[in-house]
N, C-alpha and C. Protein backbone atom coordinates (compact mmCIF):
# COMPACT_ATOMS: atom_id res chain seq x y z
N MET A 1 -31.88 0.97 10.79
CA MET A 1 -30.67 1.69 10.45
C MET A 1 -30.92 2.49 9.17
N ASN A 2 -30.35 3.64 9.10
CA ASN A 2 -30.51 4.55 7.98
C ASN A 2 -29.87 3.97 6.71
N LYS A 3 -30.57 4.06 5.56
CA LYS A 3 -30.05 3.52 4.30
C LYS A 3 -28.76 4.24 3.87
N THR A 4 -28.66 5.52 4.15
CA THR A 4 -27.46 6.27 3.80
C THR A 4 -26.26 5.77 4.59
N LEU A 5 -26.48 5.50 5.88
CA LEU A 5 -25.41 4.98 6.73
C LEU A 5 -24.95 3.61 6.24
N ILE A 6 -25.87 2.77 5.89
CA ILE A 6 -25.53 1.43 5.39
C ILE A 6 -24.73 1.54 4.09
N ALA A 7 -25.17 2.41 3.19
CA ALA A 7 -24.46 2.60 1.92
C ALA A 7 -23.04 3.12 2.17
N ALA A 8 -22.90 4.06 3.11
CA ALA A 8 -21.58 4.61 3.44
C ALA A 8 -20.67 3.53 4.01
N MET A 9 -21.20 2.67 4.88
CA MET A 9 -20.40 1.59 5.46
C MET A 9 -19.96 0.60 4.38
N LEU A 10 -20.84 0.25 3.48
CA LEU A 10 -20.48 -0.67 2.40
C LEU A 10 -19.42 -0.08 1.49
N PHE A 11 -19.54 1.21 1.19
CA PHE A 11 -18.56 1.90 0.36
C PHE A 11 -17.19 1.90 1.05
N ALA A 12 -17.16 2.18 2.35
CA ALA A 12 -15.90 2.21 3.10
C ALA A 12 -15.24 0.84 3.13
N LEU A 13 -16.03 -0.19 3.34
CA LEU A 13 -15.48 -1.55 3.38
C LEU A 13 -14.99 -2.00 2.01
N ALA A 14 -15.63 -1.56 0.95
CA ALA A 14 -15.22 -1.94 -0.40
C ALA A 14 -13.87 -1.34 -0.76
N ALA A 15 -13.49 -0.25 -0.13
CA ALA A 15 -12.24 0.44 -0.44
C ALA A 15 -11.07 -0.06 0.38
N CYS A 16 -11.25 -1.07 1.20
CA CYS A 16 -10.19 -1.52 2.09
C CYS A 16 -9.00 -2.14 1.36
N ASP A 17 -9.20 -2.68 0.19
CA ASP A 17 -8.11 -3.34 -0.53
C ASP A 17 -7.96 -2.75 -1.93
N THR A 18 -7.90 -1.44 -2.01
CA THR A 18 -7.74 -0.79 -3.31
C THR A 18 -6.68 0.30 -3.20
N PRO A 19 -5.97 0.56 -4.30
CA PRO A 19 -4.96 1.63 -4.28
C PRO A 19 -5.64 3.00 -4.29
N LYS A 20 -4.84 4.02 -4.23
CA LYS A 20 -5.33 5.39 -4.25
C LYS A 20 -6.13 5.65 -5.54
N VAL A 21 -7.16 6.46 -5.44
CA VAL A 21 -8.01 6.77 -6.59
C VAL A 21 -7.18 7.32 -7.74
N GLY A 22 -7.40 6.80 -8.93
CA GLY A 22 -6.71 7.26 -10.12
C GLY A 22 -5.43 6.50 -10.45
N PHE A 23 -4.96 5.65 -9.55
CA PHE A 23 -3.73 4.90 -9.80
C PHE A 23 -4.05 3.71 -10.71
N ARG A 24 -3.41 3.64 -11.84
CA ARG A 24 -3.62 2.54 -12.79
C ARG A 24 -2.50 1.52 -12.59
N TYR A 25 -2.88 0.31 -12.21
CA TYR A 25 -1.88 -0.71 -11.94
C TYR A 25 -2.07 -1.91 -12.84
N THR A 26 -0.97 -2.62 -13.11
CA THR A 26 -1.02 -3.81 -13.94
C THR A 26 -0.83 -5.08 -13.12
N GLY A 27 -0.30 -4.94 -11.91
CA GLY A 27 -0.08 -6.09 -11.06
C GLY A 27 -0.49 -5.79 -9.62
N LYS A 28 -0.76 -6.86 -8.89
CA LYS A 28 -1.18 -6.75 -7.49
C LYS A 28 -0.75 -8.04 -6.80
N LYS A 29 -0.08 -7.90 -5.65
CA LYS A 29 0.36 -9.11 -4.95
C LYS A 29 0.45 -8.85 -3.46
N PRO A 30 -0.06 -9.77 -2.63
CA PRO A 30 0.10 -9.64 -1.18
C PRO A 30 1.49 -10.13 -0.76
N VAL A 31 2.06 -9.48 0.26
CA VAL A 31 3.39 -9.87 0.75
C VAL A 31 3.51 -9.43 2.21
N THR A 32 4.28 -10.18 2.97
CA THR A 32 4.53 -9.86 4.37
C THR A 32 6.02 -9.58 4.55
N VAL A 33 6.33 -8.46 5.21
CA VAL A 33 7.71 -8.11 5.54
C VAL A 33 7.72 -7.75 7.01
N GLY A 34 8.50 -8.48 7.78
CA GLY A 34 8.49 -8.27 9.23
C GLY A 34 7.10 -8.57 9.77
N LYS A 35 6.56 -7.66 10.55
CA LYS A 35 5.21 -7.82 11.11
C LYS A 35 4.14 -7.20 10.21
N ASN A 36 4.54 -6.58 9.11
CA ASN A 36 3.60 -5.84 8.27
C ASN A 36 3.13 -6.66 7.07
N HIS A 37 1.81 -6.62 6.84
CA HIS A 37 1.18 -7.31 5.72
C HIS A 37 0.73 -6.25 4.71
N PHE A 38 1.21 -6.36 3.48
CA PHE A 38 0.92 -5.38 2.44
C PHE A 38 0.26 -6.05 1.24
N THR A 39 -0.48 -5.25 0.49
CA THR A 39 -0.80 -5.58 -0.89
C THR A 39 -0.07 -4.53 -1.70
N VAL A 40 0.77 -4.97 -2.62
CA VAL A 40 1.54 -4.06 -3.47
C VAL A 40 0.85 -3.98 -4.82
N PHE A 41 0.45 -2.78 -5.20
CA PHE A 41 -0.13 -2.49 -6.51
C PHE A 41 0.96 -1.82 -7.32
N TYR A 42 1.17 -2.22 -8.56
CA TYR A 42 2.31 -1.66 -9.30
C TYR A 42 2.06 -1.67 -10.81
N ASN A 43 2.81 -0.81 -11.48
CA ASN A 43 2.94 -0.84 -12.94
C ASN A 43 4.42 -0.68 -13.24
N ASP A 44 4.79 -0.37 -14.45
CA ASP A 44 6.21 -0.33 -14.78
C ASP A 44 6.94 0.91 -14.25
N LYS A 45 6.22 1.91 -13.74
CA LYS A 45 6.87 3.13 -13.28
C LYS A 45 6.65 3.47 -11.81
N GLN A 46 5.59 2.95 -11.23
CA GLN A 46 5.30 3.31 -9.84
C GLN A 46 4.59 2.19 -9.11
N ALA A 47 4.54 2.34 -7.78
CA ALA A 47 3.90 1.32 -6.95
C ALA A 47 3.27 1.96 -5.72
N GLN A 48 2.32 1.25 -5.16
CA GLN A 48 1.71 1.64 -3.90
C GLN A 48 1.64 0.40 -3.02
N ALA A 49 2.10 0.54 -1.79
CA ALA A 49 2.05 -0.56 -0.82
C ALA A 49 1.00 -0.21 0.23
N LEU A 50 -0.05 -0.99 0.29
CA LEU A 50 -1.16 -0.78 1.22
C LEU A 50 -1.02 -1.75 2.38
N ARG A 51 -0.83 -1.21 3.59
CA ARG A 51 -0.66 -2.05 4.79
C ARG A 51 -2.01 -2.45 5.34
N HIS A 52 -2.13 -3.73 5.77
CA HIS A 52 -3.41 -4.25 6.25
C HIS A 52 -3.46 -4.54 7.75
N ASN A 53 -2.34 -4.71 8.38
CA ASN A 53 -2.35 -5.11 9.78
C ASN A 53 -2.38 -3.91 10.72
N ARG A 54 -2.76 -4.16 11.95
CA ARG A 54 -2.73 -3.13 12.98
C ARG A 54 -1.32 -3.03 13.54
N ILE A 55 -0.92 -1.81 13.89
CA ILE A 55 0.39 -1.62 14.50
C ILE A 55 0.26 -0.64 15.66
N LYS A 56 1.25 -0.68 16.52
CA LYS A 56 1.31 0.28 17.62
C LYS A 56 2.02 1.53 17.14
N LEU A 57 1.80 2.63 17.79
CA LEU A 57 2.37 3.91 17.39
C LEU A 57 3.89 3.84 17.28
N ARG A 58 4.53 3.15 18.18
CA ARG A 58 6.00 3.08 18.14
C ARG A 58 6.52 2.22 16.98
N GLU A 59 5.64 1.47 16.31
CA GLU A 59 6.06 0.62 15.19
C GLU A 59 5.92 1.32 13.83
N THR A 60 5.42 2.55 13.81
CA THR A 60 5.19 3.23 12.53
C THR A 60 6.48 3.60 11.80
N ALA A 61 7.57 3.77 12.52
CA ALA A 61 8.83 4.16 11.89
C ALA A 61 9.33 3.09 10.92
N GLN A 62 9.00 1.85 11.14
CA GLN A 62 9.49 0.74 10.32
C GLN A 62 8.62 0.50 9.07
N VAL A 63 7.44 1.09 9.01
CA VAL A 63 6.50 0.78 7.93
C VAL A 63 7.04 1.15 6.55
N GLN A 64 7.58 2.36 6.37
CA GLN A 64 8.06 2.74 5.05
C GLN A 64 9.20 1.85 4.57
N GLU A 65 10.11 1.53 5.45
CA GLU A 65 11.22 0.63 5.08
C GLU A 65 10.69 -0.74 4.66
N ASN A 66 9.73 -1.27 5.42
CA ASN A 66 9.13 -2.55 5.06
C ASN A 66 8.35 -2.47 3.75
N ALA A 67 7.70 -1.33 3.51
CA ALA A 67 6.94 -1.14 2.26
C ALA A 67 7.88 -1.13 1.06
N VAL A 68 9.03 -0.50 1.20
CA VAL A 68 10.02 -0.49 0.12
C VAL A 68 10.53 -1.90 -0.14
N THR A 69 10.85 -2.63 0.91
CA THR A 69 11.32 -4.02 0.76
C THR A 69 10.25 -4.87 0.09
N ALA A 70 9.01 -4.71 0.52
CA ALA A 70 7.90 -5.47 -0.07
C ALA A 70 7.75 -5.15 -1.55
N THR A 71 7.84 -3.89 -1.90
CA THR A 71 7.68 -3.47 -3.29
C THR A 71 8.81 -3.99 -4.16
N GLU A 72 10.05 -3.89 -3.68
CA GLU A 72 11.18 -4.40 -4.45
C GLU A 72 11.11 -5.91 -4.62
N THR A 73 10.63 -6.61 -3.60
CA THR A 73 10.48 -8.06 -3.68
C THR A 73 9.44 -8.45 -4.71
N VAL A 74 8.30 -7.79 -4.69
CA VAL A 74 7.19 -8.12 -5.59
C VAL A 74 7.50 -7.74 -7.04
N THR A 75 8.05 -6.55 -7.25
CA THR A 75 8.23 -6.04 -8.61
C THR A 75 9.55 -6.44 -9.26
N GLY A 76 10.56 -6.74 -8.46
CA GLY A 76 11.88 -7.01 -9.00
C GLY A 76 12.60 -5.74 -9.44
N CYS A 77 12.05 -4.59 -9.11
CA CYS A 77 12.63 -3.29 -9.46
C CYS A 77 13.14 -2.60 -8.20
N LYS A 78 14.00 -1.62 -8.39
CA LYS A 78 14.46 -0.80 -7.27
C LYS A 78 13.54 0.40 -7.11
N VAL A 79 13.37 0.84 -5.89
CA VAL A 79 12.59 2.04 -5.61
C VAL A 79 13.52 3.25 -5.77
N ARG A 80 13.07 4.26 -6.49
CA ARG A 80 13.88 5.47 -6.70
C ARG A 80 14.00 6.23 -5.38
N LEU A 81 15.24 6.57 -5.02
CA LEU A 81 15.48 7.34 -3.81
C LEU A 81 14.80 8.69 -3.92
N GLY A 82 14.23 9.16 -2.86
CA GLY A 82 13.56 10.45 -2.83
C GLY A 82 12.14 10.42 -3.36
N SER A 83 11.67 9.26 -3.82
CA SER A 83 10.32 9.18 -4.38
C SER A 83 9.31 8.60 -3.40
N ILE A 84 9.75 8.23 -2.23
CA ILE A 84 8.89 7.56 -1.25
C ILE A 84 8.08 8.61 -0.49
N LYS A 85 6.76 8.44 -0.52
CA LYS A 85 5.89 9.33 0.25
C LYS A 85 4.67 8.55 0.73
N GLY A 86 4.02 9.09 1.72
CA GLY A 86 2.83 8.44 2.23
C GLY A 86 2.79 8.45 3.74
N ASP A 87 2.01 7.54 4.27
CA ASP A 87 1.84 7.43 5.71
C ASP A 87 1.91 5.95 6.08
N PRO A 88 1.73 5.59 7.34
CA PRO A 88 1.84 4.18 7.71
C PRO A 88 0.79 3.27 7.08
N GLY A 89 -0.24 3.83 6.46
CA GLY A 89 -1.27 3.01 5.84
C GLY A 89 -1.04 2.76 4.35
N LEU A 90 -0.53 3.78 3.65
CA LEU A 90 -0.33 3.68 2.21
C LEU A 90 0.96 4.40 1.84
N VAL A 91 1.90 3.66 1.25
CA VAL A 91 3.17 4.23 0.86
C VAL A 91 3.25 4.18 -0.67
N GLU A 92 3.55 5.35 -1.27
CA GLU A 92 3.68 5.46 -2.71
C GLU A 92 5.15 5.65 -3.08
N MET A 93 5.57 5.09 -4.22
CA MET A 93 6.95 5.22 -4.65
C MET A 93 7.08 5.04 -6.14
N ARG A 94 8.15 5.60 -6.70
CA ARG A 94 8.45 5.43 -8.13
C ARG A 94 9.48 4.32 -8.27
N LEU A 95 9.42 3.62 -9.38
CA LEU A 95 10.28 2.46 -9.60
C LEU A 95 11.34 2.73 -10.66
N LYS A 96 12.46 2.03 -10.52
CA LYS A 96 13.55 2.06 -11.50
C LYS A 96 13.79 0.61 -11.93
N CYS A 97 13.24 0.24 -13.08
CA CYS A 97 13.36 -1.15 -13.55
C CYS A 97 14.42 -1.28 -14.62
């Protein structure tokens, strides 16, 4: 197997449980809401919820709502309305503590 391919695979696997590049977080906690398993990375102003489980296409509509619930549960803060963005894999939001 090519050394470059092996290095690329290891790099990809190492990034499976990390927030978006450049996000500085002070806390990290795993949480499950509904069928979705998240790791919530957060600081005093913002958070990122990284989903780990597989879902079907028709289940993607519920992911952001579950990510907000997970974040509010972990941080004890409210998510600012209109600040939620992302996709079914990673949801970013600003916090109001």
